[in-house]
Amino acid sequence: MTVEFQLDNALPRPLAEVLRPELASLATEVIDEIRAKIPNYARPLDGPYGKSIQAGVHYALTLFIEQIANPDASAHKCYEVHQKLGQNEMREGRSLDDLQAAYRIGARVSWRRVMRIGKRNGLSSAVMSQLADSVFAYMDKLASVALDGYLEAKATSAGALETWRRRLLGMVLQTPPAPPAAIAELAQLIGWSVPEKASPIAVHTLPGTGHNQRKPTLEADVLADLDGIEPRLLVPGEVTDARLAVIRAALPQCRLAIGPAVRLDSVAYALRWARKALTLAQQGVLPDRQVIRCEQHLSTVLVHSDDRLLTTLRDRLLAPLRGLTTKQRERMLETLRAWLDVQGSVPDMAALLDVHPQTVRYRMRQLEQALGALLHDPHQRFELELVLRATPPRRRDHEVVLPAQRDRR
C-alpha cells in the first residue's frame, strides 16, 4: 500500500511558526494520554518499545508542521517509523486495535491543543475548520501506514508465504466455513484471487513409491498442504486436462481424487467426497486408477457415505441368505444383480451370467423363496439395489458378511 503524505489542504504557511513552539510539550501530552488510556503501552519509555512510540509521535507532529511550512517536505522518515510501528505490533503478537486507538487519541489530543492555540492567536473559523480536517486526515494516513507495515510483517513471518497459503487453505476447508471477509483479507495479503468456485483434490502417495517430494512445482494459484496427515490441494475453478497434466507432473507418485468444482463455502464437503473416493479405490470399489474424478462416481460415494448405515441395511435385506454357503450366496447375489440390471429378462440374464436360461429360472425360484415380497416391493427393491451396488461383484477377499456369520468369526 502506498500512502500519499502531503496534507489535503494547503494551510497558511505562517501557521507553522505558530505551532512549532508547541511541538515538544504536545508530543509529551500525546504520549502521556496514550500510556494512560492503553494498558499495553504503559511501559517504561527508556525501553525499545517506549522509544518507538516516542519516535512515532515526534516524527508525526514534526512532519505535520513541516508540511504546513513546505508542502513538499519529505515524508520518508516518518513513513518508515510508522511502518515499523505496525510491524512491531504484529511481531509482538497483538492485533492492530491498540495502535489504531493510539492514533485516535493522538488526533484528539492534538486537536484540543490546536483549539487552544487558535483561540489564543485569534485564528479565523475558516482556518480552524481547515486545520481540523487536516489533523484528522493526517492521522488516518499514519494509521494506514501502520496497517501497511503490520500486513507486510504478517505476510513475511512464521515461515513466510507458504505458511499463510496453508493457513488460507485451512480457512477455506474449515467447518463451519470461515467468514468470507476473513478469507478475502488473507487472500489479498498473499495475492490469491478468491474464485467463485474451486475444486479440492485429495492426494495419496501410492504404496512402494516412497515419500513424495516436499516442494512440488505447482501453479501459483493452487493452494497446497502436502505435509499433513491428509494431503490436499485446492484448484480455482474446474480442473481442466491441462491443469491436471501440470499437477500429475508435480506429483507423479500420487493417486489423486478430484472433487467437483463447488462454491467456496462447500469445498470442505467436496474434499470429503474426494477423500472417500480414495478410500473406495483402495478397497476396490472404484477403479484402481491414478486419477479419480469424483463427478463420475458421485452415486457410489453417496452409497458409501455412511458405512455403518450401509452395513445395517445390508444385514436386514440379505439376512434370508445367511444359511447359504459362501459360494451359494455369491451366486445368488450375482443373479440378483443381473435381475436388477436387465429388469427381469431371463434371456438377457442368461447372456449376462453366461449360463443356461433354465439355470436362471432355477436360481430365481430360490431367490423368490428366500426374499419373497422384497423383490416386488419398489421401496425395498430400491434399497436392495443400493446394497448390491455398494458390494463389488465377484470379490473373494471382501465377501458380504451376514449377521450370523459375523457372530461366528
Protein backbone atom coordinates (compact mmCIF):
# COMPACT_ATOMS: atom_id res chain seq x y z
CA MET A 1 0.00 0.00 0.00
CA THR A 2 1.32 3.48 -0.89
CA VAL A 3 0.04 6.41 1.15
CA GLU A 4 0.29 9.98 -0.19
CA PHE A 5 1.57 12.02 2.73
CA GLN A 6 1.02 15.58 1.55
CA LEU A 7 -1.62 17.44 3.53
CA ASP A 8 -5.01 17.51 1.84
CA ASN A 9 -5.46 21.24 2.42
CA ALA A 10 -2.92 23.98 1.77
CA LEU A 11 -2.81 25.71 5.15
CA PRO A 12 -1.38 29.22 5.62
CA ARG A 13 2.41 28.81 5.88
CA PRO A 14 2.82 31.24 8.84
CA LEU A 15 0.71 28.78 10.85
CA ALA A 16 3.78 26.52 11.07
CA GLU A 17 5.60 29.14 13.16
CA VAL A 18 2.60 29.37 15.48
CA LEU A 19 2.53 25.60 16.02
CA ARG A 20 6.27 24.82 16.15
CA PRO A 21 6.85 26.08 19.75
CA GLU A 22 4.12 23.69 20.92
CA LEU A 23 5.74 20.61 19.40
CA ALA A 24 7.74 19.28 22.40
CA SER A 25 5.02 19.74 25.02
CA LEU A 26 2.32 18.41 22.64
CA ALA A 27 4.38 15.27 21.99
CA THR A 28 4.66 14.69 25.75
CA GLU A 29 0.92 15.22 26.23
CA VAL A 30 0.06 12.78 23.44
CA ILE A 31 2.41 10.09 24.81
CA ASP A 32 1.09 10.54 28.37
CA GLU A 33 -2.51 10.22 27.18
CA ILE A 34 -1.77 7.10 25.12
CA ARG A 35 0.00 5.42 28.04
CA ALA A 36 -2.81 6.34 30.43
CA LYS A 37 -5.62 5.07 28.18
CA ILE A 38 -3.99 1.96 26.64
CA PRO A 39 -2.52 -0.51 29.20
CA ASN A 40 -0.31 -2.27 26.63
CA TYR A 41 1.57 0.98 26.07
CA ALA A 42 2.12 1.75 29.76
CA ARG A 43 5.74 0.54 29.61
CA PRO A 44 8.94 2.30 30.63
CA LEU A 45 9.81 4.87 27.96
CA ASP A 46 13.52 4.09 28.10
CA GLY A 47 12.99 0.60 26.61
CA PRO A 48 12.87 -0.20 22.88
CA TYR A 49 9.08 -0.20 22.83
CA GLY A 50 8.79 3.15 24.59
CA LYS A 51 11.39 4.67 22.28
CA SER A 52 9.49 3.53 19.21
CA ILE A 53 6.29 5.16 20.48
CA GLN A 54 8.17 8.38 21.26
CA ALA A 55 9.74 8.37 17.80
CA GLY A 56 6.36 7.76 16.17
CA VAL A 57 4.74 10.73 17.93
CA HIS A 58 7.75 13.01 17.39
CA TYR A 59 8.05 12.33 13.65
CA ALA A 60 4.30 12.58 13.13
CA LEU A 61 3.99 16.03 14.76
CA THR A 62 7.20 17.31 13.18
CA LEU A 63 6.18 16.30 9.66
CA PHE A 64 2.72 17.81 10.08
CA ILE A 65 4.19 21.19 10.98
CA GLU A 66 6.92 21.00 8.32
CA GLN A 67 4.38 20.28 5.59
CA ILE A 68 2.43 23.37 6.54
CA ALA A 69 5.61 25.40 6.03
CA ASN A 70 6.66 23.40 2.96
CA PRO A 71 4.11 21.06 1.31
CA ASP A 72 6.98 19.27 -0.46
CA ALA A 73 8.80 18.31 2.76
CA SER A 74 9.97 14.69 2.67
CA ALA A 75 7.76 12.18 4.48
CA HIS A 76 10.17 9.26 4.07
CA LYS A 77 11.46 9.08 7.65
CA CYS A 78 8.01 9.48 9.18
CA TYR A 79 6.63 6.80 6.83
CA GLU A 80 9.42 4.43 7.83
CA VAL A 81 8.89 4.97 11.58
CA HIS A 82 5.14 4.35 11.43
CA GLN A 83 5.50 1.36 9.15
CA LYS A 84 7.84 -0.15 11.75
CA LEU A 85 5.29 0.57 14.47
CA GLY A 86 2.81 -1.62 12.58
CA GLN A 87 5.44 -4.32 12.05
CA ASN A 88 6.28 -4.31 15.76
CA GLU A 89 2.61 -4.81 16.71
CA MET A 90 2.44 -7.93 14.57
CA ARG A 91 5.73 -9.29 15.90
CA GLU A 92 4.54 -8.69 19.45
CA GLY A 93 1.57 -10.95 18.64
CA ARG A 94 -1.10 -8.27 19.06
CA SER A 95 -3.90 -7.09 16.83
CA LEU A 96 -3.90 -3.55 15.44
CA ASP A 97 -6.67 -2.44 17.81
CA ASP A 98 -4.35 -0.77 20.34
CA LEU A 99 -2.27 1.02 17.71
CA GLN A 100 -5.34 2.28 15.88
CA ALA A 101 -6.69 3.54 19.21
CA ALA A 102 -3.39 5.34 19.80
CA TYR A 103 -3.79 7.24 16.52
CA ARG A 104 -7.30 8.29 17.51
CA ILE A 105 -6.01 9.51 20.88
CA GLY A 106 -3.20 11.40 19.13
CA ALA A 107 -5.68 13.13 16.84
CA ARG A 108 -7.97 14.06 19.74
CA VAL A 109 -5.18 15.43 21.97
CA SER A 110 -3.67 17.36 19.07
CA TRP A 111 -6.98 18.92 18.20
CA ARG A 112 -7.58 20.00 21.81
CA ARG A 113 -4.20 21.77 21.75
CA VAL A 114 -4.90 23.35 18.35
CA MET A 115 -8.19 24.77 19.60
CA ARG A 116 -6.39 26.47 22.49
CA ILE A 117 -3.71 27.80 20.12
CA GLY A 118 -6.33 29.07 17.71
CA LYS A 119 -8.21 30.92 20.41
CA ARG A 120 -5.03 32.39 21.82
CA ASN A 121 -3.84 33.60 18.40
CA GLY A 122 -7.19 34.72 17.07
CA LEU A 123 -7.28 32.26 14.12
CA SER A 124 -10.36 32.57 11.93
CA SER A 125 -13.09 29.92 11.92
CA ALA A 126 -12.23 29.10 8.30
CA VAL A 127 -8.60 28.36 9.17
CA MET A 128 -9.65 26.34 12.24
CA SER A 129 -12.05 24.26 10.17
CA GLN A 130 -9.36 23.66 7.56
CA LEU A 131 -6.88 22.75 10.30
CA ALA A 132 -9.31 20.28 11.88
CA ASP A 133 -9.81 18.48 8.57
CA SER A 134 -6.05 18.30 8.08
CA VAL A 135 -5.31 16.94 11.56
CA PHE A 136 -7.78 14.06 11.36
CA ALA A 137 -6.99 13.19 7.71
CA TYR A 138 -3.28 13.16 8.55
CA MET A 139 -3.79 10.75 11.46
CA ASP A 140 -5.84 8.47 9.20
CA LYS A 141 -2.88 8.36 6.79
CA LEU A 142 -0.49 7.46 9.59
CA ALA A 143 -2.83 4.66 10.67
CA SER A 144 -2.85 3.37 7.07
CA VAL A 145 0.95 3.31 7.00
CA ALA A 146 1.00 1.31 10.25
CA LEU A 147 -1.54 -1.11 8.77
CA ASP A 148 0.72 -1.47 5.73
CA GLY A 149 3.63 -2.40 7.99
CA TYR A 150 1.50 -4.79 10.04
CA LEU A 151 0.32 -6.68 6.96
CA GLU A 152 3.81 -6.77 5.47
CA ALA A 153 5.22 -8.31 8.66
CA LYS A 154 2.30 -10.71 8.82
CA ALA A 155 2.90 -11.90 5.27
CA THR A 156 6.64 -12.43 5.69
CA SER A 157 6.82 -14.02 9.14
CA ALA A 158 6.48 -17.55 10.56
CA GLY A 159 7.68 -19.44 7.53
CA ALA A 160 6.70 -16.67 5.13
CA LEU A 161 4.27 -17.03 2.27
CA GLU A 162 3.76 -20.81 2.32
CA THR A 163 2.63 -20.71 5.94
CA TRP A 164 -0.04 -18.16 5.09
CA ARG A 165 -1.07 -20.06 1.97
CA ARG A 166 -1.59 -23.19 4.05
CA ARG A 167 -3.48 -21.16 6.63
CA LEU A 168 -5.73 -19.78 3.90
CA LEU A 169 -6.36 -23.31 2.64
CA GLY A 170 -7.24 -24.35 6.17
CA MET A 171 -9.68 -21.44 6.50
CA VAL A 172 -11.40 -22.36 3.24
CA LEU A 173 -11.71 -26.01 4.33
CA GLN A 174 -12.76 -25.48 7.94
CA THR A 175 -16.28 -26.30 9.10
CA PRO A 176 -18.29 -24.29 9.74
CA PRO A 177 -16.92 -22.11 6.92
CA ALA A 178 -14.73 -19.15 7.83
CA PRO A 179 -16.32 -15.72 7.24
CA PRO A 180 -15.88 -14.61 3.61
CA ALA A 181 -14.35 -11.33 4.81
CA ALA A 182 -11.62 -13.20 6.72
CA ILE A 183 -10.83 -15.33 3.67
CA ALA A 184 -10.77 -12.26 1.43
CA GLU A 185 -8.41 -10.41 3.79
CA LEU A 186 -5.87 -13.22 3.97
CA ALA A 187 -6.21 -13.91 0.23
CA GLN A 188 -5.41 -10.27 -0.52
CA LEU A 189 -2.42 -10.44 1.80
CA ILE A 190 -0.85 -13.34 -0.14
CA GLY A 191 -2.04 -12.25 -3.57
CA TRP A 192 -4.57 -15.06 -4.16
CA SER A 193 -7.66 -14.18 -6.19
CA VAL A 194 -10.73 -15.61 -4.45
CA PRO A 195 -12.60 -17.70 -7.05
CA GLU A 196 -16.35 -18.16 -7.25
CA LYS A 197 -15.84 -21.94 -7.39
CA ALA A 198 -12.92 -24.25 -6.62
CA SER A 199 -12.05 -27.93 -6.89
CA PRO A 200 -10.39 -29.78 -3.98
CA ILE A 201 -8.03 -32.67 -4.68
CA ALA A 202 -7.33 -35.41 -2.14
CA VAL A 203 -3.78 -36.77 -2.50
CA HIS A 204 -2.46 -40.21 -1.57
CA THR A 205 1.10 -41.46 -2.04
CA LEU A 206 1.00 -44.77 -3.88
CA PRO A 207 2.36 -47.80 -1.99
CA GLY A 208 6.00 -48.62 -2.60
CA THR A 209 6.89 -45.25 -4.11
CA GLY A 210 8.35 -43.61 -1.01
CA HIS A 211 7.62 -40.12 0.26
CA ASN A 212 6.60 -37.61 -2.32
CA GLN A 213 8.88 -34.65 -2.99
CA ARG A 214 8.42 -31.89 -0.42
CA LYS A 215 8.18 -28.92 -2.74
CA PRO A 216 6.44 -29.87 -5.99
CA THR A 217 6.22 -27.27 -8.73
CA LEU A 218 2.56 -26.25 -8.74
CA GLU A 219 0.93 -23.27 -10.38
CA ALA A 220 0.87 -20.16 -8.22
CA ASP A 221 -2.90 -20.11 -7.75
CA VAL A 222 -3.03 -23.70 -6.44
CA LEU A 223 -3.14 -23.85 -2.64
CA ALA A 224 -1.43 -26.93 -1.23
CA ASP A 225 -0.83 -28.72 2.06
CA LEU A 226 1.09 -31.89 1.26
CA ASP A 227 2.86 -32.49 4.56
CA GLY A 228 -0.18 -33.18 6.72
CA ILE A 229 -1.88 -36.49 7.52
CA GLU A 230 -4.33 -35.94 4.67
CA PRO A 231 -2.52 -34.11 1.84
CA ARG A 232 -4.75 -31.88 -0.28
CA LEU A 233 -4.80 -29.25 -2.99
CA LEU A 234 -7.27 -26.55 -3.90
CA VAL A 235 -7.58 -25.51 -7.55
CA PRO A 236 -9.58 -22.40 -8.55
CA GLY A 237 -12.42 -23.35 -10.90
CA GLU A 238 -12.59 -26.64 -12.79
CA VAL A 239 -9.59 -28.97 -13.04
CA THR A 240 -9.02 -28.95 -16.79
CA ASP A 241 -6.95 -31.57 -18.58
CA ALA A 242 -4.14 -29.03 -18.99
CA ARG A 243 -4.23 -28.17 -15.29
CA LEU A 244 -4.31 -31.86 -14.37
CA ALA A 245 -1.25 -32.56 -16.52
CA VAL A 246 0.77 -30.00 -14.55
CA ILE A 247 -0.39 -31.43 -11.21
CA ARG A 248 0.39 -35.00 -12.25
CA ALA A 249 3.85 -33.96 -13.39
CA ALA A 250 4.42 -32.34 -9.99
CA LEU A 251 3.06 -35.36 -8.07
CA PRO A 252 3.98 -38.36 -10.24
CA GLN A 253 3.90 -40.86 -7.38
CA CYS A 254 0.49 -39.93 -6.03
CA ARG A 255 -3.09 -41.00 -6.57
CA LEU A 256 -5.38 -38.00 -6.99
CA ALA A 257 -9.11 -37.86 -6.28
CA ILE A 258 -10.59 -34.69 -7.76
CA GLY A 259 -13.69 -33.33 -6.07
CA PRO A 260 -16.32 -31.46 -8.06
CA ALA A 261 -16.00 -27.71 -8.52
CA VAL A 262 -18.25 -26.09 -5.91
CA ARG A 263 -18.73 -22.74 -4.23
CA LEU A 264 -16.02 -21.89 -1.73
CA ASP A 265 -18.31 -22.45 1.27
CA SER A 266 -18.89 -26.06 0.10
CA VAL A 267 -15.28 -27.01 -0.68
CA ALA A 268 -14.87 -28.87 2.64
CA TYR A 269 -17.71 -31.22 1.66
CA ALA A 270 -16.29 -31.78 -1.83
CA LEU A 271 -12.92 -32.66 -0.28
CA ARG A 272 -14.61 -35.18 1.99
CA TRP A 273 -16.18 -36.83 -1.08
CA ALA A 274 -12.78 -36.91 -2.78
CA ARG A 275 -11.19 -38.45 0.30
CA LYS A 276 -13.94 -41.09 0.36
CA ALA A 277 -13.28 -41.84 -3.32
CA LEU A 278 -9.62 -42.51 -2.49
CA THR A 279 -10.66 -44.99 0.19
CA LEU A 280 -13.09 -46.72 -2.17
CA ALA A 281 -10.37 -47.03 -4.81
CA GLN A 282 -8.07 -48.66 -2.24
CA GLN A 283 -10.86 -51.07 -1.33
CA GLY A 284 -11.51 -51.96 -4.97
CA VAL A 285 -15.00 -50.45 -5.03
CA LEU A 286 -13.85 -47.81 -7.53
CA PRO A 287 -11.41 -48.49 -10.40
CA ASP A 288 -7.77 -48.65 -9.38
CA ARG A 289 -6.63 -45.55 -11.28
CA GLN A 290 -4.09 -42.86 -10.55
CA VAL A 291 -6.66 -40.11 -11.16
CA ILE A 292 -10.25 -40.39 -9.95
CA ARG A 293 -12.79 -37.74 -10.91
CA CYS A 294 -15.47 -37.85 -8.23
CA GLU A 295 -18.13 -36.40 -10.51
CA GLN A 296 -18.10 -39.71 -12.39
CA HIS A 297 -18.72 -41.68 -9.17
CA LEU A 298 -20.98 -39.49 -7.03
CA SER A 299 -23.66 -42.16 -6.62
CA THR A 300 -21.08 -44.68 -5.39
CA VAL A 301 -19.62 -42.14 -2.97
CA LEU A 302 -23.15 -41.36 -1.78
CA VAL A 303 -23.98 -45.02 -1.15
CA HIS A 304 -20.78 -45.41 0.90
CA SER A 305 -21.11 -42.12 2.78
CA ASP A 306 -22.26 -43.93 5.92
CA ASP A 307 -20.69 -47.39 6.08
CA ARG A 308 -22.36 -48.33 9.34
CA LEU A 309 -25.79 -47.50 7.94
CA LEU A 310 -24.97 -49.41 4.77
CA THR A 311 -23.95 -52.47 6.81
CA THR A 312 -27.16 -52.29 8.83
CA LEU A 313 -29.26 -52.10 5.66
CA ARG A 314 -27.30 -54.97 4.07
CA ASP A 315 -27.75 -57.15 7.15
CA ARG A 316 -31.51 -56.57 7.20
CA LEU A 317 -32.14 -57.15 3.50
CA LEU A 318 -29.83 -60.13 2.98
CA ALA A 319 -30.49 -61.91 6.26
CA PRO A 320 -32.64 -64.56 4.47
CA LEU A 321 -29.49 -65.72 2.66
CA ARG A 322 -27.48 -66.34 5.81
CA GLY A 323 -27.99 -70.09 5.68
CA LEU A 324 -26.26 -70.46 2.30
CA THR A 325 -22.63 -71.34 1.81
CA THR A 326 -20.28 -68.64 0.66
CA LYS A 327 -20.31 -69.94 -2.91
CA GLN A 328 -24.10 -70.26 -2.99
CA ARG A 329 -24.57 -66.80 -1.54
CA GLU A 330 -22.24 -65.21 -4.10
CA ARG A 331 -24.09 -66.97 -6.91
CA MET A 332 -27.43 -65.72 -5.63
CA LEU A 333 -26.16 -62.13 -5.33
CA GLU A 334 -24.70 -62.34 -8.83
CA THR A 335 -28.07 -63.49 -10.15
CA LEU A 336 -29.87 -60.78 -8.21
CA ARG A 337 -27.62 -58.10 -9.71
CA ALA A 338 -28.32 -59.40 -13.19
CA TRP A 339 -32.07 -59.46 -12.47
CA LEU A 340 -31.97 -55.81 -11.44
CA ASP A 341 -29.70 -54.81 -14.34
CA VAL A 342 -31.89 -56.26 -17.11
CA GLN A 343 -35.23 -55.78 -15.36
CA GLY A 344 -36.02 -59.49 -15.05
CA SER A 345 -35.47 -60.64 -18.65
CA VAL A 346 -34.43 -64.30 -18.42
CA PRO A 347 -32.65 -64.44 -21.83
CA ASP A 348 -30.72 -61.25 -21.03
CA MET A 349 -29.82 -62.57 -17.58
CA ALA A 350 -28.60 -65.83 -19.08
CA ALA A 351 -26.38 -63.93 -21.54
CA LEU A 352 -25.05 -61.65 -18.82
CA LEU A 353 -24.28 -64.54 -16.45
CA ASP A 354 -23.14 -66.89 -19.22
CA VAL A 355 -25.46 -69.68 -18.04
CA HIS A 356 -28.44 -71.54 -19.49
CA PRO A 357 -31.85 -69.80 -19.18
CA GLN A 358 -33.09 -72.80 -17.21
CA THR A 359 -30.34 -72.20 -14.67
CA VAL A 360 -31.53 -68.60 -14.36
CA ARG A 361 -35.12 -69.76 -13.73
CA TYR A 362 -33.92 -72.19 -11.07
CA ARG A 363 -31.91 -69.54 -9.24
CA MET A 364 -34.79 -67.06 -9.42
CA ARG A 365 -37.12 -69.61 -7.81
CA GLN A 366 -34.58 -69.88 -4.97
CA LEU A 367 -34.45 -66.10 -4.63
CA GLU A 368 -38.24 -65.91 -4.60
CA GLN A 369 -38.35 -68.44 -1.80
CA ALA A 370 -35.65 -66.62 0.21
CA LEU A 371 -36.57 -62.98 -0.36
CA GLY A 372 -40.27 -63.25 -1.23
CA ALA A 373 -42.15 -59.94 -1.39
CA LEU A 374 -38.92 -57.96 -1.07
CA LEU A 375 -38.31 -58.45 -4.80
CA HIS A 376 -41.65 -56.92 -5.72
CA ASP A 377 -41.86 -54.01 -3.28
CA PRO A 378 -40.48 -50.88 -5.07
CA HIS A 379 -39.09 -49.31 -1.90
CA GLN A 380 -37.31 -52.45 -0.72
CA ARG A 381 -36.14 -53.22 -4.23
CA PHE A 382 -34.51 -49.79 -4.36
CA GLU A 383 -32.78 -50.47 -1.04
CA LEU A 384 -31.67 -53.85 -2.30
CA GLU A 385 -30.11 -52.27 -5.37
CA LEU A 386 -28.25 -49.77 -3.18
CA VAL A 387 -26.77 -52.62 -1.16
CA LEU A 388 -25.76 -54.57 -4.25
CA ARG A 389 -24.24 -51.53 -5.95
CA ALA A 390 -22.18 -50.98 -2.82
CA THR A 391 -20.87 -54.57 -2.91
CA PRO A 392 -18.47 -55.14 -5.82
CA PRO A 393 -19.33 -58.32 -7.74
CA ARG A 394 -17.08 -61.40 -7.64
CA ARG A 395 -14.92 -60.11 -4.78
CA ARG A 396 -13.42 -63.02 -2.90
CA ASP A 397 -11.38 -61.01 -0.40
CA HIS A 398 -14.24 -58.81 0.82
CA GLU A 399 -17.28 -61.04 0.93
CA VAL A 400 -20.71 -59.99 2.13
CA VAL A 401 -20.76 -60.88 5.80
CA LEU A 402 -24.19 -61.62 7.24
CA PRO A 403 -25.04 -61.30 10.94
CA ALA A 404 -24.88 -65.00 11.80
CA GLN A 405 -21.51 -65.41 10.05
CA ARG A 406 -20.03 -62.32 11.65
CA ASP A 407 -21.01 -63.64 15.07
CA ARG A 408 -19.11 -66.85 14.37
CA ARG A 409 -15.89 -65.00 13.40
